[in-house]
Amino acid sequence: VKVSPTRDKLARALPWIAAAESRRVALVSG
């Protein structure tokens, strides 16, 4: 799928940033 963003990078990241702030984003190592 191709995406041509119409918003700046901060605006696009904010939805999952909100989840990260609530400790609901995990990084999988290895």
ModelCIF file with pLDDT and N, C-alpha, C, O atoms, coordinates in Angstrom:
data_MODEL
#
_entry.id   MODEL 
#
_entity.id                         1 
_entity.type                       polymer 
_entity.pdbx_number_of_molecules   1 
#
_entity_poly.entity_id                      1 
_entity_poly.type                           'polypeptide(L)' 
_entity_poly.nstd_linkage                   no 
_entity_poly.nstd_monomer                   no 
_entity_poly.pdbx_seq_one_letter_code       VKVSPTRDKLARALPWIAAAESRRVALVSG 
_entity_poly.pdbx_seq_one_letter_code_can   VKVSPTRDKLARALPWIAAAESRRVALVSG 
_entity_poly.pdbx_strand_id                 A 
#
loop_
_entity_poly_seq.entity_id 
_entity_poly_seq.num 
_entity_poly_seq.mon_id 
_entity_poly_seq.hetero 
1 1  VAL n 
1 2  LYS n 
1 3  VAL n 
1 4  SER n 
1 5  PRO n 
1 6  THR n 
1 7  ARG n 
1 8  ASP n 
1 9  LYS n 
1 10 LEU n 
1 11 ALA n 
1 12 ARG n 
1 13 ALA n 
1 14 LEU n 
1 15 PRO n 
1 16 TRP n 
1 17 ILE n 
1 18 ALA n 
1 19 ALA n 
1 20 ALA n 
1 21 GLU n 
1 22 SER n 
1 23 ARG n 
1 24 ARG n 
1 25 VAL n 
1 26 ALA n 
1 27 LEU n 
1 28 VAL n 
1 29 SER n 
1 30 GLY n 
#
_struct_asym.id          A 
_struct_asym.entity_id   1 
#
loop_
_ma_qa_metric.id 
_ma_qa_metric.mode 
_ma_qa_metric.name 
_ma_qa_metric.software_group_id 
_ma_qa_metric.type 
1 global pLDDT . pLDDT 
2 local  pLDDT . pLDDT 
#
_ma_qa_metric_global.metric_id      1 
_ma_qa_metric_global.metric_value   84.03 
_ma_qa_metric_global.model_id       1 
_ma_qa_metric_global.ordinal_id     1 
#
loop_
_ma_qa_metric_local.label_asym_id 
_ma_qa_metric_local.label_comp_id 
_ma_qa_metric_local.label_seq_id 
_ma_qa_metric_local.metric_id 
_ma_qa_metric_local.metric_value 
_ma_qa_metric_local.model_id 
_ma_qa_metric_local.ordinal_id 
A VAL 1  2 87.00 1 1  
A LYS 2  2 85.00 1 2  
A VAL 3  2 82.00 1 3  
A SER 4  2 76.00 1 4  
A PRO 5  2 71.00 1 5  
A THR 6  2 67.00 1 6  
A ARG 7  2 71.00 1 7  
A ASP 8  2 74.00 1 8  
A LYS 9  2 80.00 1 9  
A LEU 10 2 79.00 1 10 
A ALA 11 2 77.00 1 11 
A ARG 12 2 82.00 1 12 
A ALA 13 2 87.00 1 13 
A LEU 14 2 82.00 1 14 
A PRO 15 2 83.00 1 15 
A TRP 16 2 89.00 1 16 
A ILE 17 2 87.00 1 17 
A ALA 18 2 83.00 1 18 
A ALA 19 2 88.00 1 19 
A ALA 20 2 90.00 1 20 
A GLU 21 2 86.00 1 21 
A SER 22 2 86.00 1 22 
A ARG 23 2 89.00 1 23 
A ARG 24 2 92.00 1 24 
A VAL 25 2 95.00 1 25 
A ALA 26 2 95.00 1 26 
A LEU 27 2 95.00 1 27 
A VAL 28 2 94.00 1 28 
A SER 29 2 89.00 1 29 
A GLY 30 2 80.00 1 30 
#
loop_
_atom_site.group_PDB 
_atom_site.id 
_atom_site.type_symbol 
_atom_site.label_atom_id 
_atom_site.label_alt_id 
_atom_site.label_comp_id 
_atom_site.label_asym_id 
_atom_site.label_entity_id 
_atom_site.label_seq_id 
_atom_site.pdbx_PDB_ins_code 
_atom_site.Cartn_x 
_atom_site.Cartn_y 
_atom_site.Cartn_z 
_atom_site.occupancy 
_atom_site.B_iso_or_equiv 
_atom_site.pdbx_formal_charge 
_atom_site.auth_seq_id 
_atom_site.auth_comp_id 
_atom_site.auth_asym_id 
_atom_site.auth_atom_id 
_atom_site.pdbx_PDB_model_num 
ATOM 1   N N  . VAL A 1 1  ? 0.845  -1.193  0.000  1.00 87.00 ? 1  VAL A N  1 
ATOM 2   C CA . VAL A 1 1  ? 0.000  0.000   0.000  1.00 87.00 ? 1  VAL A CA 1 
ATOM 3   C C  . VAL A 1 1  ? 0.878  1.240   0.000  1.00 87.00 ? 1  VAL A C  1 
ATOM 4   O O  . VAL A 1 1  ? 1.853  1.325   0.746  1.00 87.00 ? 1  VAL A O  1 
ATOM 5   N N  . LYS A 1 2  ? 0.520  2.202   -0.847 1.00 85.00 ? 2  LYS A N  1 
ATOM 6   C CA . LYS A 1 2  ? 1.248  3.470   -0.893 1.00 85.00 ? 2  LYS A CA 1 
ATOM 7   C C  . LYS A 1 2  ? 0.539  4.509   -0.033 1.00 85.00 ? 2  LYS A C  1 
ATOM 8   O O  . LYS A 1 2  ? -0.687 4.622   -0.063 1.00 85.00 ? 2  LYS A O  1 
ATOM 9   N N  . VAL A 1 3  ? 1.320  5.267   0.732  1.00 82.00 ? 3  VAL A N  1 
ATOM 10  C CA . VAL A 1 3  ? 0.784  6.350   1.540  1.00 82.00 ? 3  VAL A CA 1 
ATOM 11  C C  . VAL A 1 3  ? 1.479  7.642   1.130  1.00 82.00 ? 3  VAL A C  1 
ATOM 12  O O  . VAL A 1 3  ? 2.707  7.705   1.068  1.00 82.00 ? 3  VAL A O  1 
ATOM 13  N N  . SER A 1 4  ? 0.691  8.663   0.854  1.00 76.00 ? 4  SER A N  1 
ATOM 14  C CA . SER A 1 4  ? 1.222  9.997   0.570  1.00 76.00 ? 4  SER A CA 1 
ATOM 15  C C  . SER A 1 4  ? 0.727  10.923  1.665  1.00 76.00 ? 4  SER A C  1 
ATOM 16  O O  . SER A 1 4  ? -0.365 11.477  1.548  1.00 76.00 ? 4  SER A O  1 
ATOM 17  N N  . PRO A 1 5  ? 1.492  11.104  2.716  1.00 71.00 ? 5  PRO A N  1 
ATOM 18  C CA . PRO A 1 5  ? 1.014  11.821  3.902  1.00 71.00 ? 5  PRO A CA 1 
ATOM 19  C C  . PRO A 1 5  ? 0.609  13.257  3.599  1.00 71.00 ? 5  PRO A C  1 
ATOM 20  O O  . PRO A 1 5  ? 1.262  13.955  2.823  1.00 71.00 ? 5  PRO A O  1 
ATOM 21  N N  . THR A 1 6  ? -0.489 13.684  4.233  1.00 67.00 ? 6  THR A N  1 
ATOM 22  C CA . THR A 1 6  ? -0.954 15.065  4.131  1.00 67.00 ? 6  THR A CA 1 
ATOM 23  C C  . THR A 1 6  ? -0.757 15.805  5.450  1.00 67.00 ? 6  THR A C  1 
ATOM 24  O O  . THR A 1 6  ? -1.045 16.999  5.537  1.00 67.00 ? 6  THR A O  1 
ATOM 25  N N  . ARG A 1 7  ? -0.265 15.105  6.483  1.00 71.00 ? 7  ARG A N  1 
ATOM 26  C CA . ARG A 1 7  ? -0.023 15.727  7.789  1.00 71.00 ? 7  ARG A CA 1 
ATOM 27  C C  . ARG A 1 7  ? 1.458  15.622  8.136  1.00 71.00 ? 7  ARG A C  1 
ATOM 28  O O  . ARG A 1 7  ? 2.176  14.782  7.594  1.00 71.00 ? 7  ARG A O  1 
ATOM 29  N N  . ASP A 1 8  ? 1.904  16.481  9.042  1.00 74.00 ? 8  ASP A N  1 
ATOM 30  C CA . ASP A 1 8  ? 3.300  16.405  9.431  1.00 74.00 ? 8  ASP A CA 1 
ATOM 31  C C  . ASP A 1 8  ? 3.535  15.158  10.290 1.00 74.00 ? 8  ASP A C  1 
ATOM 32  O O  . ASP A 1 8  ? 2.593  14.523  10.764 1.00 74.00 ? 8  ASP A O  1 
ATOM 33  N N  . LYS A 1 9  ? 4.825  14.824  10.480 1.00 80.00 ? 9  LYS A N  1 
ATOM 34  C CA . LYS A 1 9  ? 5.172  13.561  11.127 1.00 80.00 ? 9  LYS A CA 1 
ATOM 35  C C  . LYS A 1 9  ? 4.707  13.491  12.580 1.00 80.00 ? 9  LYS A C  1 
ATOM 36  O O  . LYS A 1 9  ? 4.373  12.413  13.069 1.00 80.00 ? 9  LYS A O  1 
ATOM 37  N N  . LEU A 1 10 ? 4.683  14.628  13.272 1.00 79.00 ? 10 LEU A N  1 
ATOM 38  C CA . LEU A 1 10 ? 4.207  14.616  14.654 1.00 79.00 ? 10 LEU A CA 1 
ATOM 39  C C  . LEU A 1 10 ? 2.726  14.288  14.717 1.00 79.00 ? 10 LEU A C  1 
ATOM 40  O O  . LEU A 1 10 ? 2.307  13.463  15.527 1.00 79.00 ? 10 LEU A O  1 
ATOM 41  N N  . ALA A 1 11 ? 1.928  14.931  13.865 1.00 77.00 ? 11 ALA A N  1 
ATOM 42  C CA . ALA A 1 11 ? 0.490  14.673  13.862 1.00 77.00 ? 11 ALA A CA 1 
ATOM 43  C C  . ALA A 1 11 ? 0.190  13.211  13.552 1.00 77.00 ? 11 ALA A C  1 
ATOM 44  O O  . ALA A 1 11 ? -0.753 12.639  14.099 1.00 77.00 ? 11 ALA A O  1 
ATOM 45  N N  . ARG A 1 12 ? 0.992  12.605  12.674 1.00 82.00 ? 12 ARG A N  1 
ATOM 46  C CA . ARG A 1 12 ? 0.755  11.204  12.311 1.00 82.00 ? 12 ARG A CA 1 
ATOM 47  C C  . ARG A 1 12 ? 1.149  10.258  13.439 1.00 82.00 ? 12 ARG A C  1 
ATOM 48  O O  . ARG A 1 12 ? 0.580  9.175   13.569 1.00 82.00 ? 12 ARG A O  1 
ATOM 49  N N  . ALA A 1 13 ? 2.118  10.662  14.255 1.00 87.00 ? 13 ALA A N  1 
ATOM 50  C CA . ALA A 1 13 ? 2.594  9.784   15.330 1.00 87.00 ? 13 ALA A CA 1 
ATOM 51  C C  . ALA A 1 13 ? 1.737  9.883   16.592 1.00 87.00 ? 13 ALA A C  1 
ATOM 52  O O  . ALA A 1 13 ? 1.750  8.966   17.413 1.00 87.00 ? 13 ALA A O  1 
ATOM 53  N N  . LEU A 1 14 ? 0.999  10.969  16.762 1.00 82.00 ? 14 LEU A N  1 
ATOM 54  C CA . LEU A 1 14 ? 0.312  11.216  18.030 1.00 82.00 ? 14 LEU A CA 1 
ATOM 55  C C  . LEU A 1 14 ? -0.622 10.092  18.484 1.00 82.00 ? 14 LEU A C  1 
ATOM 56  O O  . LEU A 1 14 ? -0.649 9.801   19.680 1.00 82.00 ? 14 LEU A O  1 
ATOM 57  N N  . PRO A 1 15 ? -1.392 9.442   17.600 1.00 83.00 ? 15 PRO A N  1 
ATOM 58  C CA . PRO A 1 15 ? -2.279 8.382   18.089 1.00 83.00 ? 15 PRO A CA 1 
ATOM 59  C C  . PRO A 1 15 ? -1.549 7.265   18.821 1.00 83.00 ? 15 PRO A C  1 
ATOM 60  O O  . PRO A 1 15 ? -1.995 6.825   19.881 1.00 83.00 ? 15 PRO A O  1 
ATOM 61  N N  . TRP A 1 16 ? -0.426 6.800   18.266 1.00 89.00 ? 16 TRP A N  1 
ATOM 62  C CA . TRP A 1 16 ? 0.264  5.713   18.974 1.00 89.00 ? 16 TRP A CA 1 
ATOM 63  C C  . TRP A 1 16 ? 1.173  6.265   20.073 1.00 89.00 ? 16 TRP A C  1 
ATOM 64  O O  . TRP A 1 16 ? 1.554  5.518   20.974 1.00 89.00 ? 16 TRP A O  1 
ATOM 65  N N  . ILE A 1 17 ? 1.531  7.547   20.024 1.00 87.00 ? 17 ILE A N  1 
ATOM 66  C CA . ILE A 1 17 ? 2.251  8.163   21.139 1.00 87.00 ? 17 ILE A CA 1 
ATOM 67  C C  . ILE A 1 17 ? 1.371  8.152   22.385 1.00 87.00 ? 17 ILE A C  1 
ATOM 68  O O  . ILE A 1 17 ? 1.857  7.925   23.493 1.00 87.00 ? 17 ILE A O  1 
ATOM 69  N N  . ALA A 1 18 ? 0.068  8.401   22.199 1.00 83.00 ? 18 ALA A N  1 
ATOM 70  C CA . ALA A 1 18 ? -0.857 8.369   23.338 1.00 83.00 ? 18 ALA A CA 1 
ATOM 71  C C  . ALA A 1 18 ? -0.857 6.989   23.994 1.00 83.00 ? 18 ALA A C  1 
ATOM 72  O O  . ALA A 1 18 ? -0.913 6.877   25.219 1.00 83.00 ? 18 ALA A O  1 
ATOM 73  N N  . ALA A 1 19 ? -0.793 5.941   23.172 1.00 88.00 ? 19 ALA A N  1 
ATOM 74  C CA . ALA A 1 19 ? -0.729 4.584   23.722 1.00 88.00 ? 19 ALA A CA 1 
ATOM 75  C C  . ALA A 1 19 ? 0.604  4.361   24.447 1.00 88.00 ? 19 ALA A C  1 
ATOM 76  O O  . ALA A 1 19 ? 0.642  3.714   25.494 1.00 88.00 ? 19 ALA A O  1 
ATOM 77  N N  . ALA A 1 20 ? 1.689  4.896   23.890 1.00 90.00 ? 20 ALA A N  1 
ATOM 78  C CA . ALA A 1 20 ? 3.001  4.741   24.538 1.00 90.00 ? 20 ALA A CA 1 
ATOM 79  C C  . ALA A 1 20 ? 3.021  5.417   25.898 1.00 90.00 ? 20 ALA A C  1 
ATOM 80  O O  . ALA A 1 20 ? 3.580  4.878   26.853 1.00 90.00 ? 20 ALA A O  1 
ATOM 81  N N  . GLU A 1 21 ? 2.414  6.598   25.991 1.00 86.00 ? 21 GLU A N  1 
ATOM 82  C CA . GLU A 1 21 ? 2.393  7.317   27.260 1.00 86.00 ? 21 GLU A CA 1 
ATOM 83  C C  . GLU A 1 21 ? 1.664  6.523   28.336 1.00 86.00 ? 21 GLU A C  1 
ATOM 84  O O  . GLU A 1 21 ? 1.966  6.633   29.524 1.00 86.00 ? 21 GLU A O  1 
ATOM 85  N N  . SER A 1 22 ? 0.705  5.727   27.900 1.00 86.00 ? 22 SER A N  1 
ATOM 86  C CA . SER A 1 22 ? -0.041 4.880   28.837 1.00 86.00 ? 22 SER A CA 1 
ATOM 87  C C  . SER A 1 22 ? 0.616  3.525   29.051 1.00 86.00 ? 22 SER A C  1 
ATOM 88  O O  . SER A 1 22 ? 0.009  2.616   29.617 1.00 86.00 ? 22 SER A O  1 
ATOM 89  N N  . ARG A 1 23 ? 1.856  3.393   28.596 1.00 89.00 ? 23 ARG A N  1 
ATOM 90  C CA . ARG A 1 23 ? 2.637  2.145   28.750 1.00 89.00 ? 23 ARG A CA 1 
ATOM 91  C C  . ARG A 1 23 ? 1.969  0.982   28.022 1.00 89.00 ? 23 ARG A C  1 
ATOM 92  O O  . ARG A 1 23 ? 1.900  -0.135  28.535 1.00 89.00 ? 23 ARG A O  1 
ATOM 93  N N  . ARG A 1 24 ? 1.477  1.270   26.811 1.00 92.00 ? 24 ARG A N  1 
ATOM 94  C CA . ARG A 1 24 ? 0.800  0.227   26.040 1.00 92.00 ? 24 ARG A CA 1 
ATOM 95  C C  . ARG A 1 24 ? 1.482  -0.014  24.694 1.00 92.00 ? 24 ARG A C  1 
ATOM 96  O O  . ARG A 1 24 ? 0.851  -0.478  23.745 1.00 92.00 ? 24 ARG A O  1 
ATOM 97  N N  . VAL A 1 25 ? 2.779  0.305   24.619 1.00 95.00 ? 25 VAL A N  1 
ATOM 98  C CA . VAL A 1 25 ? 3.573  -0.012  23.429 1.00 95.00 ? 25 VAL A CA 1 
ATOM 99  C C  . VAL A 1 25 ? 4.831  -0.737  23.889 1.00 95.00 ? 25 VAL A C  1 
ATOM 100 O O  . VAL A 1 25 ? 5.588  -0.223  24.712 1.00 95.00 ? 25 VAL A O  1 
ATOM 101 N N  . ALA A 1 26 ? 5.046  -1.927  23.357 1.00 95.00 ? 26 ALA A N  1 
ATOM 102 C CA . ALA A 1 26 ? 6.219  -2.730  23.725 1.00 95.00 ? 26 ALA A CA 1 
ATOM 103 C C  . ALA A 1 26 ? 7.109  -2.915  22.506 1.00 95.00 ? 26 ALA A C  1 
ATOM 104 O O  . ALA A 1 26 ? 6.621  -3.029  21.382 1.00 95.00 ? 26 ALA A O  1 
ATOM 105 N N  . LEU A 1 27 ? 8.425  -2.945  22.734 1.00 95.00 ? 27 LEU A N  1 
ATOM 106 C CA . LEU A 1 27 ? 9.402  -3.189  21.683 1.00 95.00 ? 27 LEU A CA 1 
ATOM 107 C C  . LEU A 1 27 ? 9.919  -4.618  21.814 1.00 95.00 ? 27 LEU A C  1 
ATOM 108 O O  . LEU A 1 27 ? 10.292 -5.055  22.903 1.00 95.00 ? 27 LEU A O  1 
ATOM 109 N N  . VAL A 1 28 ? 9.938  -5.336  20.701 1.00 94.00 ? 28 VAL A N  1 
ATOM 110 C CA . VAL A 1 28 ? 10.328 -6.747  20.700 1.00 94.00 ? 28 VAL A CA 1 
ATOM 111 C C  . VAL A 1 28 ? 11.781 -6.852  20.259 1.00 94.00 ? 28 VAL A C  1 
ATOM 112 O O  . VAL A 1 28 ? 12.102 -6.584  19.101 1.00 94.00 ? 28 VAL A O  1 
ATOM 113 N N  . SER A 1 29 ? 12.655 -7.240  21.172 1.00 89.00 ? 29 SER A N  1 
ATOM 114 C CA . SER A 1 29 ? 14.082 -7.329  20.859 1.00 89.00 ? 29 SER A CA 1 
ATOM 115 C C  . SER A 1 29 ? 14.399 -8.654  20.180 1.00 89.00 ? 29 SER A C  1 
ATOM 116 O O  . SER A 1 29 ? 13.583 -9.576  20.173 1.00 89.00 ? 29 SER A O  1 
ATOM 117 N N  . GLY A 1 30 ? 15.605 -8.733  19.606 1.00 80.00 ? 30 GLY A N  1 
ATOM 118 C CA . GLY A 1 30 ? 16.060 -9.982  19.010 1.00 80.00 ? 30 GLY A CA 1 
ATOM 119 C C  . GLY A 1 30 ? 15.442 -10.289 17.672 1.00 80.00 ? 30 GLY A C  1 
ATOM 120 O O  . GLY A 1 30 ? 15.749 -11.318 17.071 1.00 80.00 ? 30 GLY A O  1 
#
